[in-house]
């Protein structure tokens, strides 16, 4: 089920060339005009609006048209999809779910089953077992859903509005860092970043963001420190997942060359303690680890 599209083929073609504030905005199927042609944001296929028996508006291909991108091919066949413009989606509830504390003794299977995503998977299963025309639009509930759905493609300019917010207020991909820094002062956000440092003594993981062509006087690099407190098992799990086991005299480990990038969520604030190394003070933010849902390392990002 496709929920967003461009108003013209020119808009689609421009979106493929430019990632900027001038990138054309997507048109939600809810706002589309009946009988008007629109264009798939994934592949450019010609679409028109249709409404399900439950009143859900979505896009389908005109006769003779066919989707060609893996994401839209999959979404076209699904009767359940996720969206930030779902009536049930809330940035506050999304982050509340990510930061819902878990006990240190929970196993990975328990953690997965404890998340609200199970509820949504059950909803999807129930929907699939019902009439194929009974489409449902569910809110995103995990970082994995955002990444697997390739939300970056559908919000190339990072300023697609939803609920008086922008996508960049929820998740910041590498290309969108310019929309956040150097003005970012803290708050809840998901960042695409690179594992950079592991402190075995103070139990924190550090991640690095690279800002291309920063404004004059601004830094190219920004650092995110995620502190695990007394959550030893969770710290060891992510330390071994993202970093090598080789320690040096300072008690740190060098990054394992395993992931190109990962996604880390936190309620960020300036770190005024662990922000100085190699004789230089760095732009550094900190957040507390409360749940494994805060870190997502896609297998597609394995080196």
C-alpha atoms as a PDB file:
ATOM      1  CA  UNK A   1       0.000   0.000   0.000  1.00  0.00           C
ATOM      2  CA  UNK A   2       1.575   3.273  -1.179  1.00  0.00           C
ATOM      3  CA  UNK A   3       0.564   6.322   0.851  1.00  0.00           C
ATOM      4  CA  UNK A   4       2.705   9.139  -0.592  1.00  0.00           C
ATOM      5  CA  UNK A   5       3.559  10.219  -4.128  1.00  0.00           C
ATOM      6  CA  UNK A   6       4.817  13.156  -6.160  1.00  0.00           C
ATOM      7  CA  UNK A   7       2.425  15.440  -8.014  1.00  0.00           C
ATOM      8  CA  UNK A   8       4.343  15.292 -11.306  1.00  0.00           C
ATOM      9  CA  UNK A   9       7.022  13.268 -13.066  1.00  0.00           C
ATOM     10  CA  UNK A  10       9.204  16.398 -12.993  1.00  0.00           C
ATOM     11  CA  UNK A  11       8.946  16.437  -9.196  1.00  0.00           C
ATOM     12  CA  UNK A  12       9.995  12.791  -9.053  1.00  0.00           C
ATOM     13  CA  UNK A  13      12.962  13.364 -11.382  1.00  0.00           C
ATOM     14  CA  UNK A  14      14.054  16.411  -9.409  1.00  0.00           C
ATOM     15  CA  UNK A  15      13.895  14.388  -6.187  1.00  0.00           C
ATOM     16  CA  UNK A  16      16.340  11.869  -7.670  1.00  0.00           C
ATOM     17  CA  UNK A  17      18.895  14.567  -8.419  1.00  0.00           C
ATOM     18  CA  UNK A  18      18.668  16.860  -5.431  1.00  0.00           C
ATOM     19  CA  UNK A  19      18.555  16.405  -1.685  1.00  0.00           C
ATOM     20  CA  UNK A  20      17.748  19.891  -0.524  1.00  0.00           C
ATOM     21  CA  UNK A  21      15.131  22.149   0.972  1.00  0.00           C
ATOM     22  CA  UNK A  22      13.841  22.689  -2.581  1.00  0.00           C
ATOM     23  CA  UNK A  23      13.028  19.033  -3.135  1.00  0.00           C
ATOM     24  CA  UNK A  24       9.309  18.764  -4.033  1.00  0.00           C
ATOM     25  CA  UNK A  25       7.036  17.693  -1.220  1.00  0.00           C
ATOM     26  CA  UNK A  26       5.118  14.464  -1.360  1.00  0.00           C
ATOM     27  CA  UNK A  27       1.345  14.396  -1.631  1.00  0.00           C
ATOM     28  CA  UNK A  28      -0.444  12.129   0.827  1.00  0.00           C
ATOM     29  CA  UNK A  29      -3.119   9.929  -0.747  1.00  0.00           C
ATOM     30  CA  UNK A  30      -5.568  11.506   1.685  1.00  0.00           C
ATOM     31  CA  UNK A  31      -4.999  14.867  -0.027  1.00  0.00           C
ATOM     32  CA  UNK A  32      -4.810  13.551  -3.619  1.00  0.00           C
ATOM     33  CA  UNK A  33      -7.430  14.572  -6.176  1.00  0.00           C
ATOM     34  CA  UNK A  34      -9.602  11.807  -7.584  1.00  0.00           C
ATOM     35  CA  UNK A  35      -8.610  10.900 -11.157  1.00  0.00           C
ATOM     36  CA  UNK A  36      -5.402  12.950 -11.025  1.00  0.00           C
ATOM     37  CA  UNK A  37      -2.096  11.268 -11.920  1.00  0.00           C
ATOM     38  CA  UNK A  38       0.661  11.070  -9.300  1.00  0.00           C
ATOM     39  CA  UNK A  39       4.089   9.443  -9.355  1.00  0.00           C
ATOM     40  CA  UNK A  40       5.650   6.838  -7.073  1.00  0.00           C
ATOM     41  CA  UNK A  41       8.339   8.322  -4.827  1.00  0.00           C
ATOM     42  CA  UNK A  42      10.353   5.093  -5.080  1.00  0.00           C
ATOM     43  CA  UNK A  43      10.311   4.345  -8.819  1.00  0.00           C
ATOM     44  CA  UNK A  44       8.284   7.038 -10.615  1.00  0.00           C
ATOM     45  CA  UNK A  45       5.409   4.760 -11.701  1.00  0.00           C
ATOM     46  CA  UNK A  46       2.191   6.614 -12.645  1.00  0.00           C
ATOM     47  CA  UNK A  47      -0.423   6.312  -9.898  1.00  0.00           C
ATOM     48  CA  UNK A  48      -3.937   7.348  -8.957  1.00  0.00           C
ATOM     49  CA  UNK A  49      -5.790   7.451  -5.664  1.00  0.00           C
ATOM     50  CA  UNK A  50      -8.061   4.661  -4.493  1.00  0.00           C
ATOM     51  CA  UNK A  51     -10.063   4.345  -1.252  1.00  0.00           C
ATOM     52  CA  UNK A  52     -10.544   1.035   0.587  1.00  0.00           C
ATOM     53  CA  UNK A  53     -13.778  -0.236   2.080  1.00  0.00           C
ATOM     54  CA  UNK A  54     -12.547   1.072   5.447  1.00  0.00           C
ATOM     55  CA  UNK A  55     -11.988   4.557   4.081  1.00  0.00           C
ATOM     56  CA  UNK A  56      -8.182   4.318   3.774  1.00  0.00           C
ATOM     57  CA  UNK A  57      -6.782   6.288   0.824  1.00  0.00           C
ATOM     58  CA  UNK A  58      -3.782   4.866  -1.020  1.00  0.00           C
ATOM     59  CA  UNK A  59      -2.145   4.904  -4.459  1.00  0.00           C
ATOM     60  CA  UNK A  60      -2.318   2.229  -7.163  1.00  0.00           C
ATOM     61  CA  UNK A  61      -0.764   1.996 -10.608  1.00  0.00           C
ATOM     62  CA  UNK A  62      -2.567   3.034 -13.769  1.00  0.00           C
ATOM     63  CA  UNK A  63      -3.159   0.238 -16.274  1.00  0.00           C
ATOM     64  CA  UNK A  64       0.093  -0.721 -17.994  1.00  0.00           C
ATOM     65  CA  UNK A  65       2.207   0.758 -15.184  1.00  0.00           C
ATOM     66  CA  UNK A  66       4.316  -1.380 -12.863  1.00  0.00           C
ATOM     67  CA  UNK A  67       6.388  -0.665  -9.748  1.00  0.00           C
ATOM     68  CA  UNK A  68      10.114  -1.363 -10.124  1.00  0.00           C
ATOM     69  CA  UNK A  69      11.727  -0.523  -6.756  1.00  0.00           C
ATOM     70  CA  UNK A  70      11.936  -3.321  -4.131  1.00  0.00           C
ATOM     71  CA  UNK A  71      10.248  -1.175  -1.475  1.00  0.00           C
ATOM     72  CA  UNK A  72       7.205  -0.171  -3.508  1.00  0.00           C
ATOM     73  CA  UNK A  73       6.847  -3.677  -4.943  1.00  0.00           C
ATOM     74  CA  UNK A  74       6.624  -5.011  -1.393  1.00  0.00           C
ATOM     75  CA  UNK A  75       4.371  -2.224  -0.127  1.00  0.00           C
ATOM     76  CA  UNK A  76       1.975  -2.588  -3.061  1.00  0.00           C
ATOM     77  CA  UNK A  77       1.228  -6.176  -2.010  1.00  0.00           C
ATOM     78  CA  UNK A  78       0.816  -5.432   1.697  1.00  0.00           C
ATOM     79  CA  UNK A  79      -2.582  -4.663   3.174  1.00  0.00           C
ATOM     80  CA  UNK A  80      -0.942  -3.210   6.278  1.00  0.00           C
ATOM     81  CA  UNK A  81       1.680  -0.477   6.250  1.00  0.00           C
ATOM     82  CA  UNK A  82       3.374   1.888   8.668  1.00  0.00           C
ATOM     83  CA  UNK A  83       3.367   5.664   8.423  1.00  0.00           C
ATOM     84  CA  UNK A  84       4.159   8.823  10.323  1.00  0.00           C
ATOM     85  CA  UNK A  85       0.877  10.221   9.032  1.00  0.00           C
ATOM     86  CA  UNK A  86      -1.127   7.461  10.698  1.00  0.00           C
ATOM     87  CA  UNK A  87      -3.762   9.018  12.992  1.00  0.00           C
ATOM     88  CA  UNK A  88      -2.239   6.919  15.785  1.00  0.00           C
ATOM     89  CA  UNK A  89       1.345   8.108  15.286  1.00  0.00           C
ATOM     90  CA  UNK A  90       2.831  10.355  17.974  1.00  0.00           C
ATOM     91  CA  UNK A  91       6.453  11.413  18.305  1.00  0.00           C
ATOM     92  CA  UNK A  92       6.033  11.445  22.090  1.00  0.00           C
ATOM     93  CA  UNK A  93       4.601   7.906  22.217  1.00  0.00           C
ATOM     94  CA  UNK A  94       7.219   6.655  19.735  1.00  0.00           C
ATOM     95  CA  UNK A  95      10.100   7.810  21.940  1.00  0.00           C
ATOM     96  CA  UNK A  96       8.322   6.731  25.118  1.00  0.00           C
ATOM     97  CA  UNK A  97       8.243   3.226  23.666  1.00  0.00           C
ATOM     98  CA  UNK A  98      11.933   3.311  22.641  1.00  0.00           C
ATOM     99  CA  UNK A  99      12.949   4.509  26.096  1.00  0.00           C
ATOM    100  CA  UNK A 100      10.722   2.125  28.032  1.00  0.00           C
ATOM    101  CA  UNK A 101      13.172   0.658  30.540  1.00  0.00           C
ATOM    102  CA  UNK A 102      14.082  -3.032  30.431  1.00  0.00           C
ATOM    103  CA  UNK A 103      15.603  -5.149  33.164  1.00  0.00           C
ATOM    104  CA  UNK A 104      19.202  -6.312  32.847  1.00  0.00           C
ATOM    105  CA  UNK A 105      18.178  -9.958  33.102  1.00  0.00           C
ATOM    106  CA  UNK A 106      15.860  -9.903  30.101  1.00  0.00           C
ATOM    107  CA  UNK A 107      17.009 -12.191  27.292  1.00  0.00           C
ATOM    108  CA  UNK A 108      17.088 -10.938  23.730  1.00  0.00           C
ATOM    109  CA  UNK A 109      13.987 -12.964  22.910  1.00  0.00           C
ATOM    110  CA  UNK A 110      12.149 -11.548  25.900  1.00  0.00           C
ATOM    111  CA  UNK A 111      13.158  -8.045  24.888  1.00  0.00           C
ATOM    112  CA  UNK A 112      11.793  -8.530  21.420  1.00  0.00           C
ATOM    113  CA  UNK A 113       8.524  -9.988  22.647  1.00  0.00           C
ATOM    114  CA  UNK A 114       8.169  -7.287  25.273  1.00  0.00           C
ATOM    115  CA  UNK A 115       7.996  -4.531  22.684  1.00  0.00           C
ATOM    116  CA  UNK A 116       4.815  -3.067  21.296  1.00  0.00           C
ATOM    117  CA  UNK A 117       5.860  -4.201  17.836  1.00  0.00           C
ATOM    118  CA  UNK A 118       4.287  -7.572  18.686  1.00  0.00           C
ATOM    119  CA  UNK A 119       0.947  -5.840  18.975  1.00  0.00           C
ATOM    120  CA  UNK A 120       1.412  -4.317  15.552  1.00  0.00           C
ATOM    121  CA  UNK A 121       2.550  -7.622  14.047  1.00  0.00           C
ATOM    122  CA  UNK A 122      -0.605  -9.243  15.405  1.00  0.00           C
ATOM    123  CA  UNK A 123      -2.652  -6.407  13.941  1.00  0.00           C
ATOM    124  CA  UNK A 124      -0.946  -6.995  10.596  1.00  0.00           C
ATOM    125  CA  UNK A 125      -1.628 -10.734  10.774  1.00  0.00           C
ATOM    126  CA  UNK A 126      -5.274 -10.142  11.615  1.00  0.00           C
ATOM    127  CA  UNK A 127      -5.488  -7.699   8.734  1.00  0.00           C
ATOM    128  CA  UNK A 128      -3.948 -10.175   6.296  1.00  0.00           C
ATOM    129  CA  UNK A 129      -6.467 -12.808   7.372  1.00  0.00           C
ATOM    130  CA  UNK A 130      -9.351 -10.460   6.676  1.00  0.00           C
ATOM    131  CA  UNK A 131     -10.539  -9.084   3.360  1.00  0.00           C
ATOM    132  CA  UNK A 132      -7.657  -8.010   1.132  1.00  0.00           C
ATOM    133  CA  UNK A 133      -9.403  -4.678   0.662  1.00  0.00           C
ATOM    134  CA  UNK A 134      -9.411  -3.975   4.417  1.00  0.00           C
ATOM    135  CA  UNK A 135      -6.214  -1.928   4.428  1.00  0.00           C
ATOM    136  CA  UNK A 136      -4.762  -0.522   7.622  1.00  0.00           C
ATOM    137  CA  UNK A 137      -2.238   2.236   8.298  1.00  0.00           C
ATOM    138  CA  UNK A 138      -0.340   1.677  11.561  1.00  0.00           C
ATOM    139  CA  UNK A 139       2.101   3.982  13.353  1.00  0.00           C
ATOM    140  CA  UNK A 140       5.817   3.257  13.344  1.00  0.00           C
ATOM    141  CA  UNK A 141       6.943   1.763  16.651  1.00  0.00           C
ATOM    142  CA  UNK A 142      10.649   0.975  16.156  1.00  0.00           C
ATOM    143  CA  UNK A 143      13.810   2.249  14.479  1.00  0.00           C
ATOM    144  CA  UNK A 144      13.911  -0.965  12.453  1.00  0.00           C
ATOM    145  CA  UNK A 145      10.532  -0.202  10.890  1.00  0.00           C
ATOM    146  CA  UNK A 146      11.697   3.286   9.888  1.00  0.00           C
ATOM    147  CA  UNK A 147      14.873   1.985   8.255  1.00  0.00           C
ATOM    148  CA  UNK A 148      13.389  -1.101   6.601  1.00  0.00           C
ATOM    149  CA  UNK A 149      10.630   1.064   5.137  1.00  0.00           C
ATOM    150  CA  UNK A 150      13.334   3.314   3.652  1.00  0.00           C
ATOM    151  CA  UNK A 151      11.702   6.429   5.040  1.00  0.00           C
ATOM    152  CA  UNK A 152      14.690   8.429   3.806  1.00  0.00           C
ATOM    153  CA  UNK A 153      13.531   7.982   0.212  1.00  0.00           C
ATOM    154  CA  UNK A 154      10.050   9.209   1.018  1.00  0.00           C
ATOM    155  CA  UNK A 155      11.349  12.235   2.907  1.00  0.00           C
ATOM    156  CA  UNK A 156      14.423  13.206   0.938  1.00  0.00           C
ATOM    157  CA  UNK A 157      14.404  16.829   2.006  1.00  0.00           C
ATOM    158  CA  UNK A 158      13.908  15.910   5.685  1.00  0.00           C
ATOM    159  CA  UNK A 159      11.094  18.411   6.081  1.00  0.00           C
ATOM    160  CA  UNK A 160       7.987  16.363   5.307  1.00  0.00           C
ATOM    161  CA  UNK A 161       5.487  17.656   7.838  1.00  0.00           C
ATOM    162  CA  UNK A 162       3.570  15.374  10.169  1.00  0.00           C
ATOM    163  CA  UNK A 163       1.712  16.343  13.326  1.00  0.00           C
ATOM    164  CA  UNK A 164       3.343  19.814  13.304  1.00  0.00           C
ATOM    165  CA  UNK A 165       6.801  18.219  13.182  1.00  0.00           C
ATOM    166  CA  UNK A 166       9.341  17.275  10.529  1.00  0.00           C
ATOM    167  CA  UNK A 167      10.945  13.931   9.806  1.00  0.00           C
ATOM    168  CA  UNK A 168      14.281  15.390  10.843  1.00  0.00           C
ATOM    169  CA  UNK A 169      12.766  15.977  14.296  1.00  0.00           C
ATOM    170  CA  UNK A 170      12.411  12.200  14.566  1.00  0.00           C
ATOM    171  CA  UNK A 171      15.394  10.675  12.767  1.00  0.00           C
ATOM    172  CA  UNK A 172      18.566  12.245  11.351  1.00  0.00           C
ATOM    173  CA  UNK A 173      20.270  10.471   8.452  1.00  0.00           C
ATOM    174  CA  UNK A 174      23.798  11.419   7.472  1.00  0.00           C
ATOM    175  CA  UNK A 175      22.550  13.604   4.613  1.00  0.00           C
ATOM    176  CA  UNK A 176      20.295  15.490   7.017  1.00  0.00           C
ATOM    177  CA  UNK A 177      22.935  16.478   9.593  1.00  0.00           C
ATOM    178  CA  UNK A 178      23.152  19.905   7.997  1.00  0.00           C
ATOM    179  CA  UNK A 179      19.519  20.450   9.028  1.00  0.00           C
ATOM    180  CA  UNK A 180      20.412  19.778  12.670  1.00  0.00           C
ATOM    181  CA  UNK A 181      23.962  20.903  13.415  1.00  0.00           C
ATOM    182  CA  UNK A 182      25.499  23.148  14.562  1.00  0.00           C
ATOM    183  CA  UNK A 183      22.227  24.520  16.011  1.00  0.00           C
ATOM    184  CA  UNK A 184      21.204  21.272  17.792  1.00  0.00           C
ATOM    185  CA  UNK A 185      21.096  21.858  21.557  1.00  0.00           C
ATOM    186  CA  UNK A 186      19.721  18.478  22.641  1.00  0.00           C
ATOM    187  CA  UNK A 187      16.521  16.488  22.934  1.00  0.00           C
ATOM    188  CA  UNK A 188      15.107  13.179  21.750  1.00  0.00           C
ATOM    189  CA  UNK A 189      16.424  12.140  18.349  1.00  0.00           C
ATOM    190  CA  UNK A 190      17.636   9.128  16.366  1.00  0.00           C
ATOM    191  CA  UNK A 191      20.996   9.632  14.626  1.00  0.00           C
ATOM    192  CA  UNK A 192      22.675   7.671  11.866  1.00  0.00           C
ATOM    193  CA  UNK A 193      26.279   7.404  13.058  1.00  0.00           C
ATOM    194  CA  UNK A 194      29.486   5.359  13.131  1.00  0.00           C
ATOM    195  CA  UNK A 195      30.728   3.356  16.151  1.00  0.00           C
ATOM    196  CA  UNK A 196      33.788   5.275  17.306  1.00  0.00           C
ATOM    197  CA  UNK A 197      34.947   4.336  20.824  1.00  0.00           C
ATOM    198  CA  UNK A 198      34.238   1.913  23.665  1.00  0.00           C
ATOM    199  CA  UNK A 199      35.152   2.714  27.260  1.00  0.00           C
ATOM    200  CA  UNK A 200      35.260  -0.504  29.276  1.00  0.00           C
ATOM    201  CA  UNK A 201      36.001   1.308  32.514  1.00  0.00           C
ATOM    202  CA  UNK A 202      33.185   3.851  32.457  1.00  0.00           C
ATOM    203  CA  UNK A 203      30.746   1.705  30.479  1.00  0.00           C
ATOM    204  CA  UNK A 204      29.850   4.017  27.636  1.00  0.00           C
ATOM    205  CA  UNK A 205      29.859   3.681  23.868  1.00  0.00           C
ATOM    206  CA  UNK A 206      30.737   6.580  21.632  1.00  0.00           C
ATOM    207  CA  UNK A 207      29.384   7.204  18.135  1.00  0.00           C
ATOM    208  CA  UNK A 208      30.532   9.707  15.522  1.00  0.00           C
ATOM    209  CA  UNK A 209      28.578  11.813  13.021  1.00  0.00           C
ATOM    210  CA  UNK A 210      30.290  13.482  10.079  1.00  0.00           C
ATOM    211  CA  UNK A 211      28.964  16.782   8.735  1.00  0.00           C
ATOM    212  CA  UNK A 212      29.984  17.518   5.170  1.00  0.00           C
ATOM    213  CA  UNK A 213      30.806  21.141   4.310  1.00  0.00           C
ATOM    214  CA  UNK A 214      29.915  22.619   7.717  1.00  0.00           C
ATOM    215  CA  UNK A 215      29.233  26.342   8.130  1.00  0.00           C
ATOM    216  CA  UNK A 216      32.257  28.525   8.833  1.00  0.00           C
ATOM    217  CA  UNK A 217      33.389  27.980  12.397  1.00  0.00           C
ATOM    218  CA  UNK A 218      31.423  24.740  12.809  1.00  0.00           C
ATOM    219  CA  UNK A 219      32.915  21.286  13.303  1.00  0.00           C
ATOM    220  CA  UNK A 220      32.965  18.413  10.812  1.00  0.00           C
ATOM    221  CA  UNK A 221      32.515  15.837  13.564  1.00  0.00           C
ATOM    222  CA  UNK A 222      29.963  15.465  16.339  1.00  0.00           C
ATOM    223  CA  UNK A 223      30.128  12.761  18.987  1.00  0.00           C
ATOM    224  CA  UNK A 224      27.410  10.893  20.870  1.00  0.00           C
ATOM    225  CA  UNK A 225      28.186   9.149  24.175  1.00  0.00           C
ATOM    226  CA  UNK A 226      25.699   6.516  25.313  1.00  0.00           C
ATOM    227  CA  UNK A 227      26.107   5.681  29.017  1.00  0.00           C
ATOM    228  CA  UNK A 228      25.001   2.286  30.300  1.00  0.00           C
ATOM    229  CA  UNK A 229      25.216   3.008  34.044  1.00  0.00           C
ATOM    230  CA  UNK A 230      24.986  -0.342  35.893  1.00  0.00           C
ATOM    231  CA  UNK A 231      23.537  -2.264  32.917  1.00  0.00           C
ATOM    232  CA  UNK A 232      26.593  -4.480  32.522  1.00  0.00           C
ATOM    233  CA  UNK A 233      25.015  -7.233  30.438  1.00  0.00           C
ATOM    234  CA  UNK A 234      23.546  -4.813  27.917  1.00  0.00           C
ATOM    235  CA  UNK A 235      26.841  -2.900  27.730  1.00  0.00           C
ATOM    236  CA  UNK A 236      28.821  -6.083  27.099  1.00  0.00           C
ATOM    237  CA  UNK A 237      26.325  -7.190  24.457  1.00  0.00           C
ATOM    238  CA  UNK A 238      26.615  -4.004  22.381  1.00  0.00           C
ATOM    239  CA  UNK A 239      30.338  -3.601  23.049  1.00  0.00           C
ATOM    240  CA  UNK A 240      30.981  -7.056  21.574  1.00  0.00           C
ATOM    241  CA  UNK A 241      28.542  -6.438  18.713  1.00  0.00           C
ATOM    242  CA  UNK A 242      30.067  -3.146  17.578  1.00  0.00           C
ATOM    243  CA  UNK A 243      33.663  -3.197  18.804  1.00  0.00           C
ATOM    244  CA  UNK A 244      36.662  -5.496  18.922  1.00  0.00           C
ATOM    245  CA  UNK A 245      37.790  -7.162  22.149  1.00  0.00           C
ATOM    246  CA  UNK A 246      41.306  -5.773  22.005  1.00  0.00           C
ATOM    247  CA  UNK A 247      41.998  -3.358  24.866  1.00  0.00           C
ATOM    248  CA  UNK A 248      44.757  -0.805  25.186  1.00  0.00           C
ATOM    249  CA  UNK A 249      46.371   0.758  28.257  1.00  0.00           C
ATOM    250  CA  UNK A 250      43.572   3.303  28.670  1.00  0.00           C
ATOM    251  CA  UNK A 251      40.941   0.564  28.845  1.00  0.00           C
ATOM    252  CA  UNK A 252      39.325   1.438  25.521  1.00  0.00           C
ATOM    253  CA  UNK A 253      38.867  -0.672  22.422  1.00  0.00           C
ATOM    254  CA  UNK A 254      39.231   0.274  18.812  1.00  0.00           C
ATOM    255  CA  UNK A 255      36.118   0.100  16.654  1.00  0.00           C
ATOM    256  CA  UNK A 256      35.495  -3.156  14.871  1.00  0.00           C
ATOM    257  CA  UNK A 257      35.193  -2.611  11.142  1.00  0.00           C
ATOM    258  CA  UNK A 258      31.854  -4.365  10.959  1.00  0.00           C
ATOM    259  CA  UNK A 259      29.161  -1.746  10.311  1.00  0.00           C
ATOM    260  CA  UNK A 260      29.251   1.209   7.974  1.00  0.00           C
ATOM    261  CA  UNK A 261      26.669   2.967  10.142  1.00  0.00           C
ATOM    262  CA  UNK A 262      24.206   2.236  12.933  1.00  0.00           C
ATOM    263  CA  UNK A 263      21.213   4.121  14.321  1.00  0.00           C
ATOM    264  CA  UNK A 264      21.184   5.332  17.916  1.00  0.00           C
ATOM    265  CA  UNK A 265      18.349   7.018  19.791  1.00  0.00           C
ATOM    266  CA  UNK A 266      18.713   9.083  22.938  1.00  0.00           C
ATOM    267  CA  UNK A 267      17.449  12.026  24.920  1.00  0.00           C
ATOM    268  CA  UNK A 268      20.598  13.981  24.166  1.00  0.00           C
ATOM    269  CA  UNK A 269      22.260  16.757  26.116  1.00  0.00           C
ATOM    270  CA  UNK A 270      25.717  18.338  26.028  1.00  0.00           C
ATOM    271  CA  UNK A 271      28.432  16.142  27.540  1.00  0.00           C
ATOM    272  CA  UNK A 272      30.766  18.363  29.529  1.00  0.00           C
ATOM    273  CA  UNK A 273      32.814  15.474  30.967  1.00  0.00           C
ATOM    274  CA  UNK A 274      34.001  13.057  28.275  1.00  0.00           C
ATOM    275  CA  UNK A 275      34.421  15.586  25.496  1.00  0.00           C
ATOM    276  CA  UNK A 276      38.183  16.168  25.453  1.00  0.00           C
ATOM    277  CA  UNK A 277      40.815  13.911  23.912  1.00  0.00           C
ATOM    278  CA  UNK A 278      43.915  14.173  21.740  1.00  0.00           C
ATOM    279  CA  UNK A 279      44.402  17.659  23.140  1.00  0.00           C
ATOM    280  CA  UNK A 280      41.158  18.965  21.644  1.00  0.00           C
ATOM    281  CA  UNK A 281      37.671  19.690  22.950  1.00  0.00           C
ATOM    282  CA  UNK A 282      34.982  18.130  20.723  1.00  0.00           C
ATOM    283  CA  UNK A 283      31.282  18.808  20.176  1.00  0.00           C
ATOM    284  CA  UNK A 284      29.861  15.958  22.243  1.00  0.00           C
ATOM    285  CA  UNK A 285      26.406  14.928  23.435  1.00  0.00           C
ATOM    286  CA  UNK A 286      25.393  12.300  25.970  1.00  0.00           C
ATOM    287  CA  UNK A 287      22.350  10.136  26.708  1.00  0.00           C
ATOM    288  CA  UNK A 288      21.518   7.262  29.032  1.00  0.00           C
ATOM    289  CA  UNK A 289      20.953   3.743  27.791  1.00  0.00           C
ATOM    290  CA  UNK A 290      17.597   2.436  29.035  1.00  0.00           C
ATOM    291  CA  UNK A 291      16.540  -0.047  26.354  1.00  0.00           C
ATOM    292  CA  UNK A 292      18.038  -2.191  23.590  1.00  0.00           C
ATOM    293  CA  UNK A 293      15.489  -0.606  21.258  1.00  0.00           C
ATOM    294  CA  UNK A 294      17.696   2.504  21.224  1.00  0.00           C
ATOM    295  CA  UNK A 295      20.303   0.878  18.975  1.00  0.00           C
ATOM    296  CA  UNK A 296      19.656  -0.637  15.570  1.00  0.00           C
ATOM    297  CA  UNK A 297      22.468  -2.085  13.445  1.00  0.00           C
ATOM    298  CA  UNK A 298      21.004  -3.122  10.060  1.00  0.00           C
ATOM    299  CA  UNK A 299      22.524  -6.215   8.497  1.00  0.00           C
ATOM    300  CA  UNK A 300      22.561  -4.323   5.202  1.00  0.00           C
ATOM    301  CA  UNK A 301      25.156  -1.989   6.757  1.00  0.00           C
ATOM    302  CA  UNK A 302      27.618  -4.803   7.460  1.00  0.00           C
ATOM    303  CA  UNK A 303      30.984  -4.255   5.819  1.00  0.00           C
END
